Protein backbone atom coordinates (compact mmCIF):
# COMPACT_ATOMS: atom_id res chain seq x y z
CA MET A 1 -103.54 -225.84 20.01
CA SER A 2 -101.27 -225.94 16.96
CA HIS A 3 -101.49 -223.34 14.21
CA SER A 4 -102.94 -225.84 11.71
CA THR A 5 -105.49 -227.05 14.28
CA GLN A 6 -106.39 -223.42 14.92
CA GLY A 7 -106.73 -222.88 11.14
CA ASP A 8 -108.96 -225.95 10.83
CA GLU A 9 -111.16 -224.63 13.65
CA VAL A 10 -111.46 -221.21 11.98
CA GLU A 11 -112.40 -222.86 8.66
CA LYS A 12 -114.96 -225.09 10.40
CA ASN A 13 -116.53 -222.09 12.14
CA LEU A 14 -116.65 -220.14 8.87
CA HIS A 15 -118.39 -223.03 7.11
CA GLU A 16 -120.88 -223.34 9.99
CA ALA A 17 -121.66 -219.61 9.86
CA LEU A 18 -122.24 -219.69 6.10
CA GLY A 19 -124.33 -222.86 6.46
CA ARG A 20 -126.52 -221.02 8.95
CA SER A 21 -126.78 -218.10 6.52
CA GLN A 22 -127.87 -220.53 3.81
CA ARG A 23 -130.51 -222.12 6.07
CA LEU A 24 -131.90 -218.64 6.78
CA GLY A 25 -132.25 -218.06 3.03
CA PHE A 26 -129.46 -215.45 2.78
CA LEU A 27 -127.36 -217.57 0.38
CA GLY A 28 -128.25 -219.71 -2.60
CA ASP A 29 -128.11 -223.49 -2.48
CA TRP A 30 -124.51 -223.99 -3.67
CA PRO A 31 -122.50 -226.33 -1.46
CA ILE A 32 -120.73 -224.26 1.20
CA PRO A 33 -117.21 -225.40 0.15
CA GLU A 34 -117.94 -224.03 -3.36
CA VAL A 35 -119.29 -220.78 -1.88
CA VAL A 36 -116.09 -220.35 0.14
CA GLU A 37 -113.92 -221.24 -2.87
CA HIS A 38 -115.67 -218.58 -4.97
CA ALA A 39 -115.27 -216.01 -2.17
CA ARG A 40 -111.56 -216.76 -2.05
CA VAL A 41 -111.33 -215.51 -5.65
CA PHE A 42 -112.20 -212.09 -4.13
CA VAL A 43 -109.44 -212.58 -1.56
CA ALA A 44 -106.95 -213.24 -4.36
CA ALA A 45 -108.19 -210.22 -6.35
CA LEU A 46 -107.51 -208.04 -3.29
CA ASP A 47 -103.83 -208.96 -3.37
CA GLY A 48 -101.84 -205.80 -2.79
CA VAL A 49 -104.77 -203.94 -1.22
CA THR A 50 -104.23 -202.56 2.27
CA GLY A 51 -106.49 -200.52 4.51
CA ALA A 52 -110.28 -200.35 4.39
CA VAL A 53 -112.62 -202.46 2.23
CA ILE A 54 -116.40 -202.23 1.89
CA ASP A 55 -118.56 -205.21 0.90
CA LEU A 56 -121.58 -203.80 -0.93
CA GLY A 57 -124.70 -205.87 -0.29
CA ALA A 58 -122.98 -208.13 2.23
CA GLY A 59 -126.22 -210.08 2.68
CA GLY A 60 -125.40 -213.59 3.81
CA GLY A 61 -121.72 -212.89 4.41
CA VAL A 62 -120.19 -213.80 1.07
CA PRO A 63 -117.59 -212.73 0.21
CA GLY A 64 -117.24 -210.43 3.25
CA LEU A 65 -116.91 -213.01 6.03
CA VAL A 66 -114.41 -215.02 3.98
CA VAL A 67 -112.33 -211.92 3.20
CA ALA A 68 -112.45 -210.90 6.87
CA THR A 69 -111.32 -214.38 7.93
CA ASP A 70 -108.53 -214.67 5.37
CA ARG A 71 -107.32 -211.04 5.51
CA PRO A 72 -107.33 -209.84 9.15
CA ASP A 73 -104.99 -207.04 8.04
CA LEU A 74 -107.91 -205.30 6.29
CA GLN A 75 -110.56 -203.12 7.96
CA LEU A 76 -113.83 -204.46 6.56
CA THR A 77 -117.25 -202.81 6.46
CA LEU A 78 -120.11 -205.17 5.61
CA LEU A 79 -122.92 -203.03 4.17
CA ASP A 80 -126.47 -204.20 3.63
CA ARG A 81 -129.76 -202.35 3.76
CA ARG A 82 -131.71 -205.23 5.30
CA THR A 83 -131.47 -205.20 9.10
CA LYS A 84 -132.41 -208.87 9.34
CA ARG A 85 -129.23 -209.65 7.42
CA THR A 86 -127.04 -207.10 9.18
CA ASP A 87 -128.19 -208.40 12.57
CA PHE A 88 -127.16 -211.87 11.44
CA LEU A 89 -123.83 -210.57 10.09
CA ALA A 90 -123.05 -208.73 13.32
CA GLN A 91 -123.71 -211.93 15.24
CA MET A 92 -121.41 -213.93 12.91
CA VAL A 93 -118.66 -211.29 13.09
CA ARG A 94 -118.66 -211.64 16.89
CA ARG A 95 -118.90 -215.45 16.76
CA LEU A 96 -115.98 -215.67 14.31
CA ASP A 97 -113.97 -213.20 16.42
CA LEU A 98 -113.68 -210.75 13.52
CA ASP A 99 -115.01 -207.70 15.37
CA GLY A 100 -111.55 -206.23 15.87
CA HIS A 101 -111.35 -205.42 12.17
CA THR A 102 -114.86 -205.89 10.79
CA LYS A 103 -117.95 -203.76 11.29
CA VAL A 104 -121.48 -204.16 9.99
CA LEU A 105 -123.49 -201.24 8.65
CA ALA A 106 -127.26 -201.36 8.06
CA ALA A 107 -127.93 -198.74 5.38
CA ASP A 108 -128.83 -198.23 1.77
CA VAL A 109 -125.67 -197.59 -0.25
CA ASP A 110 -126.75 -194.08 -1.26
CA ASP A 111 -127.48 -193.18 2.37
CA ALA A 112 -124.13 -194.65 3.45
CA ILE A 113 -122.33 -192.54 0.84
CA GLN A 114 -124.20 -189.39 1.93
CA ALA A 115 -123.26 -190.20 5.55
CA GLY A 116 -119.58 -190.19 4.56
CA HIS A 117 -118.83 -193.88 4.20
CA VAL A 118 -116.43 -193.16 1.34
CA GLY A 119 -112.69 -193.17 0.69
CA PHE A 120 -112.31 -196.94 0.97
CA ASP A 121 -109.21 -198.58 -0.47
CA ALA A 122 -111.39 -201.22 -2.13
CA ALA A 123 -114.98 -202.28 -2.67
CA ILE A 124 -116.23 -205.80 -3.30
CA ALA A 125 -119.65 -206.89 -4.54
CA ARG A 126 -121.32 -210.19 -5.28
CA GLY A 127 -124.92 -210.09 -6.47
CA PHE A 128 -125.37 -206.46 -5.38
CA GLY A 129 -127.36 -205.15 -8.32
CA PRO A 130 -127.25 -204.42 -12.04
CA PRO A 131 -123.71 -203.86 -13.38
CA GLU A 132 -123.96 -200.09 -13.92
CA PHE A 133 -125.51 -199.47 -10.48
CA THR A 134 -122.95 -201.70 -8.79
CA LEU A 135 -120.01 -200.02 -10.49
CA ARG A 136 -121.33 -196.48 -9.88
CA SER A 137 -121.92 -197.26 -6.21
CA ALA A 138 -118.48 -198.81 -5.82
CA VAL A 139 -116.77 -195.85 -7.51
CA ALA A 140 -118.58 -193.48 -5.12
CA CYS A 141 -117.23 -195.48 -2.15
CA VAL A 142 -113.63 -195.95 -3.28
CA ARG A 143 -110.79 -193.42 -3.27
CA PRO A 144 -108.89 -192.60 -6.48
CA GLY A 145 -106.38 -195.39 -7.06
CA GLY A 146 -108.56 -197.84 -5.14
CA VAL A 147 -109.70 -201.26 -6.32
CA ILE A 148 -113.17 -202.61 -7.13
CA VAL A 149 -113.83 -206.36 -7.39
CA ILE A 150 -117.22 -207.53 -8.70
CA SER A 151 -118.50 -211.05 -9.28
CA GLU A 152 -118.93 -211.98 -12.93
CA PRO A 153 -121.68 -214.06 -14.54
CA PRO A 154 -120.65 -217.40 -16.05
CA ARG A 155 -120.18 -215.88 -19.51
CA GLY A 156 -120.35 -212.63 -21.41
CA ASP A 157 -118.88 -209.18 -20.95
CA ARG A 158 -121.32 -206.81 -19.29
CA TRP A 159 -119.03 -203.78 -18.94
CA ASP A 160 -119.77 -201.00 -21.42
CA PRO A 161 -116.47 -199.33 -22.40
CA GLU A 162 -118.22 -195.93 -22.43
CA LEU A 163 -119.35 -196.43 -18.83
CA LEU A 164 -115.80 -197.35 -17.80
CA ARG A 165 -114.49 -194.15 -19.44
CA GLU A 166 -117.22 -192.03 -17.85
CA LEU A 167 -116.47 -193.42 -14.38
CA ASP A 168 -112.71 -193.27 -14.97
CA VAL A 169 -112.11 -196.90 -14.09
CA VAL A 170 -109.64 -199.24 -15.72
CA ARG A 171 -110.26 -202.96 -15.95
CA THR A 172 -107.20 -204.89 -14.81
CA PRO A 173 -106.34 -208.54 -15.40
CA SER A 174 -109.08 -210.62 -13.83
CA ASN A 175 -110.32 -214.15 -14.07
CA ASP A 176 -113.67 -215.45 -15.28
CA ARG A 177 -115.23 -215.36 -11.78
CA VAL A 178 -114.58 -211.74 -10.83
CA VAL A 179 -113.65 -208.53 -12.60
CA ARG A 180 -111.14 -206.13 -11.05
CA PHE A 181 -111.08 -202.40 -11.70
CA VAL A 182 -108.79 -199.60 -10.54
CA VAL A 183 -110.41 -196.21 -9.97
CA GLY A 184 -108.65 -193.46 -11.91
CA SER A 185 -107.56 -190.07 -10.68
CA ARG A 186 -110.67 -188.25 -11.98
CA ALA A 187 -113.07 -190.44 -9.96
CA GLU A 188 -114.80 -188.86 -7.00
């Protein structure tokens, strides 16, 4: 099988997995190609990141499964507190042959942090929770100097400058679909 045929097969399998996730009610009703395109904005925002990445609220597999497919050099942890979703994700990770570099964790984010799931090189989140909660959780998971990428709403700036100072995060150039932060040296 040629490399491009192999790539087409991987893409087809990814779309099928996300379609199944959508049918189970884990994803909204956007067309799957648009869902994948949006998830690839996360992939682009992770440019330069190496090592371990945590997807907070991995739910139906977006952006986590897309990042895992496109960036096999990263060690991904897909975190969600709902076992119905993590069972599905674990099944999709095996089906997509991502289990060599992707693990699924069923836990609440606070419990995962207390259990030592910290020190990640990056955190990603799409639809995880309110902005302040999402950013605080991500900062707690990511090492100083690490990257945080969070999905943005269609318009408006929801990031309070005082919160960014308090958490010692710096907003870096982003696009209108995701915001990218770097965790400063004071962050824990």
